[in-house]
Amino acid sequence: SRCVTDANRIDFLGLALDESDTAPATDITLIEFSIGEPEKHNGALYLEVRAADQLGFLAALLNRLAFLFLFPEEMTVETVKGTAVDRFRLKGIEFDGILKSGRTHLQDAVPIRLGQEFEAYAVAIEKNISGILCCRDLLLELGIGGTAVGTGLNAEARYIELVVEAIRRKTGFPVRTAANLIETTQNMEPFVALSSALKGLAINITRIANDLRLLSSGPMTGLNEINLPPVQPGSSIMPGKVNPVIPEMVTMVSFQVMGADTTVTLAAQAGQMELNVMMPVIIYNILFSMEILTNAVRKLRESCIEGITANVARCSGYLESSVGMATVLAPHIGYAAAAEIVKESLRTGRSTKEIILSRKFLSQEALAEIIDPYPLTTPGVSGKRDTKPKEDV
């Protein structure tokens, strides 16, 4: 066969690069000769597939470069940051002054502000975004020039330099030739890392969606601390019922992403000797995960997060009757008295606040100072803080 430095081959690659600027968004057939069923996708893999169509060396180009194109176009990073993170943060600000009972083991715990819970959701998702972006550098290494088994047979150094430089110029990404082309051909670790990071995002999204379902449960026989915006009638049998369909949808999408990650994991370990022939199913599942996560998070923002409201009276009512208040009171009235108040509250159904005031453990003013939302939900003992400025040492 002809050497890859053949002028026609370089011309074909240049043609693919040029066409990538003007290719229609749906004018791509992805991996059709590897899977059998063509999967339509946007221009992310245009360069690789167009060149492969003309030259027949798919294995040389169908590699990490694909995901460099995907990051700015398909990747969930910008969508997630601009939807879930920002919206949860705005809700955190909106709900910042609402004091409620925290819960651990699904049991009463010490107080927390509703806004702190929503801010924590934003921070958690930001960490997932950071994890996804950490994969980008792994994907900047290209296996171009490794040819059949990574040894570079029939690929001259000048050819490799020209191709990588052309890709760098066209994409704007600082791509580079892999330090070890044999490893690049064998090892799917960059894809595994990216898929795992997507799974991590799906796990957090599921956890948060489940919290939203619990916090909005009821309305009469559940927590009902927040209201989710109604999207559709919940039941043709039970009039007036409204279900949390958006968090449920997000949870199902996340389960699918977790399953896709399992497929990527199995495909990555199925490589044999000098080549992993499972690349098509790896790429398909990562692309699919990116697409459905992006859509799910966007819908979560539009039809759920933006319309969430708080039931302040419900939050206050639970807090006043929570046994978690004993932890707040113990530094002021002693452990034994705090425990006695909790037992009486559970026995009689009266709130801890009512018992404290009726039995004169604390005055109204002292109690109000202790249960101030901000000192109560920040480090230190609420009502016993030293407000004097520290002297310079």
Protein backbone atom coordinates (compact mmCIF):
# COMPACT_ATOMS: atom_id res chain seq x y z
CA SER A 1 0.00 0.00 0.00
CA ARG A 2 1.04 3.61 -0.40
CA CYS A 3 2.82 5.45 2.37
CA VAL A 4 0.68 7.86 4.40
CA THR A 5 2.88 10.71 3.24
CA ASP A 6 1.28 10.32 -0.19
CA ALA A 7 0.15 13.74 -1.44
CA ASN A 8 -3.36 12.51 -2.11
CA ARG A 9 -3.78 11.34 1.43
CA ILE A 10 -2.70 14.68 2.85
CA ASP A 11 -5.04 16.40 0.40
CA PHE A 12 -7.91 14.27 1.62
CA LEU A 13 -7.17 15.17 5.23
CA GLY A 14 -7.03 18.84 4.33
CA LEU A 15 -10.37 18.49 2.58
CA ALA A 16 -11.86 16.97 5.71
CA LEU A 17 -10.52 19.85 7.79
CA ASP A 18 -11.90 22.43 5.38
CA GLU A 19 -15.30 20.72 5.18
CA SER A 20 -15.57 20.65 8.96
CA ASP A 21 -16.13 24.43 8.88
CA THR A 22 -19.22 24.18 6.67
CA ALA A 23 -20.65 20.73 7.34
CA PRO A 24 -24.40 20.65 8.12
CA ALA A 25 -25.15 19.85 11.75
CA THR A 26 -26.81 16.54 10.90
CA ASP A 27 -24.70 15.54 7.91
CA ILE A 28 -22.71 12.94 9.79
CA THR A 29 -22.89 9.19 9.86
CA LEU A 30 -21.11 8.03 12.98
CA ILE A 31 -19.35 4.67 13.04
CA GLU A 32 -21.83 3.14 10.59
CA PHE A 33 -19.26 0.75 9.20
CA SER A 34 -18.35 -0.43 12.71
CA ILE A 35 -21.81 -0.96 14.22
CA GLY A 36 -23.99 -1.51 11.19
CA GLU A 37 -26.72 0.90 12.28
CA PRO A 38 -25.74 4.50 11.51
CA GLU A 39 -26.06 6.87 14.44
CA LYS A 40 -26.69 10.45 13.40
CA HIS A 41 -24.95 13.12 15.42
CA ASN A 42 -23.78 16.66 14.93
CA GLY A 43 -20.43 17.77 13.57
CA ALA A 44 -18.36 16.54 16.50
CA LEU A 45 -16.78 13.68 14.60
CA TYR A 46 -16.89 15.23 11.15
CA LEU A 47 -13.16 15.41 10.65
CA GLU A 48 -12.51 11.83 11.71
CA VAL A 49 -15.36 10.22 9.82
CA ARG A 50 -14.98 12.30 6.65
CA ALA A 51 -11.30 11.44 6.44
CA ALA A 52 -12.04 7.79 7.18
CA ASP A 53 -14.69 7.67 4.48
CA GLN A 54 -12.15 8.76 1.90
CA LEU A 55 -9.06 7.01 3.21
CA GLY A 56 -10.19 3.97 5.15
CA PHE A 57 -8.03 4.49 8.19
CA LEU A 58 -10.74 4.95 10.84
CA ALA A 59 -8.66 3.51 13.65
CA ALA A 60 -6.03 6.22 13.22
CA LEU A 61 -8.48 9.10 13.58
CA LEU A 62 -11.40 7.79 15.61
CA ASN A 63 -9.80 8.61 18.94
CA ARG A 64 -9.65 11.24 21.61
CA LEU A 65 -9.98 14.15 19.21
CA ALA A 66 -13.72 13.50 18.98
CA PHE A 67 -14.30 14.62 22.51
CA LEU A 68 -12.37 17.83 22.07
CA PHE A 69 -14.99 18.88 19.56
CA LEU A 70 -17.74 17.71 21.86
CA PHE A 71 -16.75 19.70 24.91
CA PRO A 72 -17.80 23.12 23.66
CA GLU A 73 -20.78 21.88 21.61
CA GLU A 74 -22.40 18.94 23.33
CA MET A 75 -20.83 18.66 26.73
CA THR A 76 -23.04 19.39 29.70
CA VAL A 77 -20.53 21.71 31.39
CA GLU A 78 -21.92 25.06 30.23
CA THR A 79 -25.52 23.87 30.39
CA VAL A 80 -25.14 22.47 33.89
CA LYS A 81 -23.29 25.54 35.16
CA GLY A 82 -25.75 27.97 33.62
CA THR A 83 -28.81 26.05 34.71
CA ALA A 84 -28.47 23.83 37.77
CA VAL A 85 -25.59 25.59 39.53
CA ASP A 86 -26.74 29.17 38.98
CA ARG A 87 -30.40 28.42 39.67
CA PHE A 88 -29.75 26.47 42.86
CA ARG A 89 -27.48 29.32 44.00
CA LEU A 90 -30.20 31.90 43.34
CA LYS A 91 -32.69 29.80 45.29
CA GLY A 92 -30.15 29.55 48.08
CA ILE A 93 -30.09 33.34 48.29
CA GLU A 94 -33.89 33.55 48.11
CA PHE A 95 -34.36 31.01 50.94
CA ASP A 96 -31.40 32.12 53.04
CA GLY A 97 -33.41 33.44 55.98
CA ILE A 98 -35.73 30.43 56.31
CA LEU A 99 -34.83 28.30 59.33
CA LYS A 100 -35.86 24.64 59.32
CA SER A 101 -35.08 21.33 60.90
CA GLY A 102 -32.12 19.46 59.50
CA ARG A 103 -32.40 15.70 59.09
CA THR A 104 -29.90 12.87 59.36
CA HIS A 105 -30.91 9.20 58.99
CA LEU A 106 -34.30 10.76 58.01
CA GLN A 107 -34.68 11.74 61.68
CA ASP A 108 -34.80 15.16 63.34
CA ALA A 109 -31.44 16.90 63.55
CA VAL A 110 -30.14 20.35 64.42
CA PRO A 111 -31.45 23.41 62.56
CA ILE A 112 -30.30 24.47 59.12
CA ARG A 113 -31.37 27.21 56.73
CA LEU A 114 -33.26 26.15 53.64
CA GLY A 115 -30.96 28.39 51.63
CA GLN A 116 -27.93 26.49 52.91
CA GLU A 117 -29.36 23.25 51.52
CA PHE A 118 -29.82 24.78 48.07
CA GLU A 119 -26.38 26.41 48.11
CA ALA A 120 -24.90 23.01 48.98
CA TYR A 121 -26.59 21.56 45.89
CA ALA A 122 -24.89 24.22 43.75
CA VAL A 123 -21.46 23.52 45.27
CA ALA A 124 -21.86 19.76 44.81
CA ILE A 125 -22.62 20.15 41.11
CA GLU A 126 -19.71 22.58 40.71
CA LYS A 127 -17.41 19.82 41.96
CA ASN A 128 -18.83 17.49 39.32
CA ILE A 129 -18.13 20.09 36.65
CA SER A 130 -14.54 20.38 37.86
CA GLY A 131 -14.18 16.60 37.62
CA ILE A 132 -15.44 16.60 34.04
CA LEU A 133 -13.10 19.41 33.02
CA CYS A 134 -10.16 17.54 34.53
CA CYS A 135 -10.65 14.95 31.79
CA ARG A 136 -10.00 17.48 29.07
CA ASP A 137 -6.21 17.33 29.28
CA LEU A 138 -6.30 13.52 28.88
CA LEU A 139 -8.25 13.99 25.67
CA LEU A 140 -5.75 16.43 24.19
CA GLU A 141 -3.35 13.58 23.42
CA LEU A 142 -3.84 12.25 19.87
CA GLY A 143 -2.87 8.85 18.57
CA ILE A 144 -2.53 10.11 15.01
CA GLY A 145 0.56 8.62 13.37
CA GLY A 146 0.56 5.43 15.37
CA THR A 147 -0.96 3.62 12.37
CA ALA A 148 -1.82 -0.04 12.87
CA VAL A 149 -0.43 -0.95 16.29
CA GLY A 150 1.01 2.32 17.56
CA THR A 151 4.54 1.83 16.26
CA GLY A 152 4.13 4.46 13.53
CA LEU A 153 5.02 2.15 10.66
CA ASN A 154 4.83 4.02 7.32
CA ALA A 155 4.03 7.36 9.00
CA GLU A 156 6.86 9.86 8.70
CA ALA A 157 7.42 12.34 11.52
CA ARG A 158 6.73 15.31 9.25
CA TYR A 159 3.32 13.93 8.37
CA ILE A 160 2.37 13.58 12.05
CA GLU A 161 3.51 17.13 12.78
CA LEU A 162 1.53 18.58 9.88
CA VAL A 163 -1.68 16.78 10.80
CA VAL A 164 -1.53 17.66 14.49
CA GLU A 165 -0.73 21.28 13.65
CA ALA A 166 -3.64 21.44 11.20
CA ILE A 167 -6.02 20.07 13.80
CA ARG A 168 -4.67 22.49 16.40
CA ARG A 169 -5.18 25.39 14.04
CA LYS A 170 -8.69 24.38 13.00
CA THR A 171 -10.05 23.52 16.45
CA GLY A 172 -8.24 26.01 18.64
CA PHE A 173 -7.40 23.24 21.11
CA PRO A 174 -3.78 22.67 22.21
CA VAL A 175 -3.75 19.08 20.97
CA ARG A 176 -0.52 17.15 20.98
CA THR A 177 0.88 13.85 19.83
CA ALA A 178 0.76 11.22 22.53
CA ALA A 179 4.05 10.44 24.21
CA ASN A 180 3.45 6.74 23.63
CA LEU A 181 1.33 5.92 20.60
CA ILE A 182 1.14 2.23 21.48
CA GLU A 183 -0.44 3.09 24.85
CA THR A 184 -2.89 5.45 23.15
CA THR A 185 -4.06 2.68 20.83
CA GLN A 186 -4.48 0.16 23.62
CA ASN A 187 -5.69 2.19 26.58
CA MET A 188 -9.16 3.75 26.86
CA GLU A 189 -8.49 5.40 30.23
CA PRO A 190 -9.35 8.96 29.08
CA PHE A 191 -12.78 7.73 28.02
CA VAL A 192 -13.23 5.79 31.26
CA ALA A 193 -12.37 8.93 33.25
CA LEU A 194 -14.83 11.06 31.31
CA SER A 195 -17.61 8.49 31.59
CA SER A 196 -16.96 8.15 35.31
CA ALA A 197 -17.14 11.92 35.73
CA LEU A 198 -20.47 11.97 33.91
CA LYS A 199 -21.68 9.20 36.21
CA GLY A 200 -20.61 11.27 39.21
CA LEU A 201 -22.76 14.14 37.96
CA ALA A 202 -25.67 11.75 37.44
CA ILE A 203 -25.29 10.43 41.00
CA ASN A 204 -25.44 13.92 42.47
CA ILE A 205 -28.35 14.94 40.27
CA THR A 206 -30.24 11.84 41.44
CA ARG A 207 -29.51 12.58 45.09
CA ILE A 208 -30.70 16.16 44.74
CA ALA A 209 -33.81 15.14 42.80
CA ASN A 210 -34.68 12.69 45.57
CA ASP A 211 -34.27 15.47 48.16
CA LEU A 212 -36.65 17.68 46.18
CA ARG A 213 -39.20 14.89 46.11
CA LEU A 214 -38.93 14.35 49.87
CA LEU A 215 -39.02 18.05 50.76
CA SER A 216 -42.13 18.55 48.61
CA SER A 217 -43.87 15.33 49.65
CA GLY A 218 -47.45 15.45 50.86
CA PRO A 219 -48.86 17.97 50.76
CA MET A 220 -50.83 16.95 53.86
CA THR A 221 -49.11 13.73 54.88
CA GLY A 222 -45.52 14.46 53.87
CA LEU A 223 -42.88 17.08 54.67
CA ASN A 224 -44.26 19.79 52.37
CA GLU A 225 -41.46 22.23 53.22
CA ILE A 226 -41.21 23.33 49.59
CA ASN A 227 -43.59 23.43 46.63
CA LEU A 228 -42.56 22.17 43.20
CA PRO A 229 -44.29 23.85 40.27
CA PRO A 230 -47.10 21.67 38.86
CA VAL A 231 -46.32 20.36 35.39
CA GLN A 232 -49.26 18.07 34.65
CA PRO A 233 -52.18 16.41 36.43
CA GLY A 234 -50.80 13.63 38.60
CA SER A 235 -53.60 11.12 38.35
CA SER A 236 -56.73 10.33 36.37
CA ILE A 237 -58.00 8.46 39.42
CA MET A 238 -57.16 10.94 42.22
CA PRO A 239 -58.39 14.49 41.45
CA GLY A 240 -56.03 17.30 42.41
CA LYS A 241 -52.98 15.09 42.81
CA VAL A 242 -49.74 16.56 41.45
CA ASN A 243 -46.64 14.39 41.10
CA PRO A 244 -42.95 15.46 41.05
CA VAL A 245 -42.54 14.30 37.46
CA ILE A 246 -39.49 16.41 36.62
CA PRO A 247 -37.32 15.08 39.49
CA GLU A 248 -38.58 11.61 38.58
CA MET A 249 -37.54 12.13 34.96
CA VAL A 250 -34.11 13.37 35.99
CA THR A 251 -33.66 10.31 38.20
CA MET A 252 -34.48 7.94 35.35
CA VAL A 253 -32.05 9.75 33.03
CA SER A 254 -29.35 9.48 35.68
CA PHE A 255 -29.94 5.74 36.00
CA GLN A 256 -29.43 5.45 32.24
CA VAL A 257 -26.14 7.37 32.47
CA MET A 258 -24.95 5.04 35.23
CA GLY A 259 -25.76 2.08 33.00
CA ALA A 260 -23.88 3.65 30.10
CA ASP A 261 -20.84 4.05 32.34
CA THR A 262 -20.98 0.33 33.13
CA THR A 263 -20.91 -0.38 29.39
CA VAL A 264 -17.90 1.93 28.93
CA THR A 265 -16.14 0.20 31.82
CA LEU A 266 -16.67 -3.26 30.37
CA ALA A 267 -15.71 -2.15 26.85
CA ALA A 268 -12.51 -0.49 28.09
CA GLN A 269 -11.32 -3.62 29.85
CA ALA A 270 -12.20 -5.74 26.81
CA GLY A 271 -9.26 -4.43 24.78
CA GLN A 272 -6.84 -7.11 23.61
CA MET A 273 -3.18 -6.74 22.82
CA GLU A 274 -2.45 -3.72 20.61
CA LEU A 275 -5.99 -2.45 19.94
CA ASN A 276 -9.28 -1.95 21.72
CA VAL A 277 -11.91 -2.72 19.11
CA MET A 278 -14.73 -1.65 21.44
CA MET A 279 -14.24 2.06 20.74
CA PRO A 280 -17.57 2.45 18.89
CA VAL A 281 -19.70 1.37 21.86
CA ILE A 282 -17.56 3.48 24.21
CA ILE A 283 -18.06 6.58 22.09
CA TYR A 284 -21.76 5.90 21.56
CA ASN A 285 -22.49 5.62 25.28
CA ILE A 286 -20.51 8.72 26.24
CA LEU A 287 -22.20 10.78 23.53
CA PHE A 288 -25.58 9.47 24.63
CA SER A 289 -24.87 10.27 28.28
CA MET A 290 -23.82 13.81 27.39
CA GLU A 291 -26.95 14.39 25.36
CA ILE A 292 -29.53 13.09 27.81
CA LEU A 293 -27.86 14.68 30.86
CA THR A 294 -27.77 18.05 29.09
CA ASN A 295 -31.45 17.82 28.20
CA ALA A 296 -32.49 16.58 31.64
CA VAL A 297 -30.66 19.32 33.53
CA ARG A 298 -32.04 21.98 31.22
CA LYS A 299 -35.58 20.72 31.83
CA LEU A 300 -34.94 20.53 35.58
CA ARG A 301 -34.13 24.23 35.56
CA GLU A 302 -36.97 25.33 33.31
CA SER A 303 -39.79 23.26 34.79
CA CYS A 304 -38.70 22.72 38.38
CA ILE A 305 -35.93 24.76 40.06
CA GLU A 306 -37.08 28.17 38.86
CA GLY A 307 -40.61 27.68 40.23
CA ILE A 308 -39.77 26.22 43.65
CA THR A 309 -41.33 28.10 46.59
CA ALA A 310 -40.93 27.62 50.33
CA ASN A 311 -43.59 26.87 52.93
CA VAL A 312 -42.16 29.02 55.70
CA ALA A 313 -44.82 28.18 58.29
CA ARG A 314 -44.30 24.47 57.74
CA CYS A 315 -40.53 24.81 58.14
CA SER A 316 -40.97 26.79 61.37
CA GLY A 317 -43.53 24.36 62.75
CA TYR A 318 -41.29 21.36 62.26
CA LEU A 319 -38.33 23.19 63.77
CA GLU A 320 -40.19 24.20 66.93
CA SER A 321 -41.31 20.62 67.54
CA SER A 322 -38.00 19.01 66.53
CA VAL A 323 -36.01 17.03 69.07
CA GLY A 324 -32.96 18.50 67.36
CA MET A 325 -33.63 21.68 69.35
CA ALA A 326 -32.28 19.88 72.43
CA THR A 327 -28.76 20.21 71.02
CA VAL A 328 -29.28 23.94 70.66
CA LEU A 329 -30.63 24.33 74.20
CA ALA A 330 -28.16 22.12 76.08
CA PRO A 331 -25.36 24.74 76.39
CA HIS A 332 -27.88 27.18 77.95
CA ILE A 333 -30.11 25.07 80.24
CA GLY A 334 -28.02 21.93 80.68
CA TYR A 335 -28.20 18.44 79.21
CA ALA A 336 -30.69 17.05 81.73
CA ALA A 337 -33.19 19.88 81.32
CA ALA A 338 -32.91 19.73 77.50
CA ALA A 339 -33.54 15.98 77.54
CA GLU A 340 -36.56 16.49 79.83
CA ILE A 341 -38.04 19.02 77.40
CA VAL A 342 -37.62 16.62 74.48
CA LYS A 343 -39.35 13.80 76.37
CA GLU A 344 -42.25 16.06 77.34
CA SER A 345 -42.58 17.29 73.76
CA LEU A 346 -42.76 13.73 72.42
CA ARG A 347 -45.23 12.72 75.15
CA THR A 348 -47.60 15.70 74.91
CA GLY A 349 -47.14 16.90 71.34
CA ARG A 350 -46.33 20.42 72.56
CA SER A 351 -43.49 22.26 70.83
CA THR A 352 -40.13 22.63 72.54
CA LYS A 353 -40.53 26.41 72.34
CA GLU A 354 -43.86 26.28 74.15
CA ILE A 355 -42.48 24.07 76.93
CA ILE A 356 -39.38 26.22 77.42
CA LEU A 357 -41.43 29.38 77.84
CA SER A 358 -44.22 27.87 79.95
CA ARG A 359 -41.74 26.32 82.37
CA LYS A 360 -39.58 29.43 82.33
CA PHE A 361 -36.35 27.73 81.38
CA LEU A 362 -35.58 30.83 79.29
CA SER A 363 -37.16 34.21 78.69
CA GLN A 364 -38.74 35.12 75.37
CA GLU A 365 -35.84 37.46 74.62
CA ALA A 366 -33.15 34.93 75.50
CA LEU A 367 -34.80 32.23 73.41
CA ALA A 368 -35.16 34.59 70.43
CA GLU A 369 -31.43 35.33 70.63
CA ILE A 370 -30.56 31.63 70.69
CA ILE A 371 -32.73 30.68 67.71
CA ASP A 372 -31.62 33.56 65.50
CA PRO A 373 -31.25 31.89 62.07
CA TYR A 374 -27.69 32.96 61.30
CA PRO A 375 -25.85 32.35 64.60
CA LEU A 376 -27.79 29.12 64.91
CA THR A 377 -26.55 27.80 61.59
CA THR A 378 -22.89 28.85 61.66
CA PRO A 379 -19.95 27.57 63.74
CA GLY A 380 -20.07 28.33 67.45
CA VAL A 381 -22.63 28.27 70.28
CA SER A 382 -25.70 30.30 69.36
CA GLY A 383 -26.43 32.98 72.00
CA LYS A 384 -22.97 32.69 73.56
CA ARG A 385 -20.74 34.32 70.97
CA ASP A 386 -18.05 36.80 71.80
CA THR A 387 -18.88 39.78 69.61
CA LYS A 388 -15.89 41.84 70.71
CA PRO A 389 -13.27 42.40 68.00
CA LYS A 390 -10.07 40.49 68.52
CA GLU A 391 -7.09 42.54 69.57
CA ASP A 392 -4.12 42.67 67.26
CA VAL A 393 -1.35 40.39 68.43
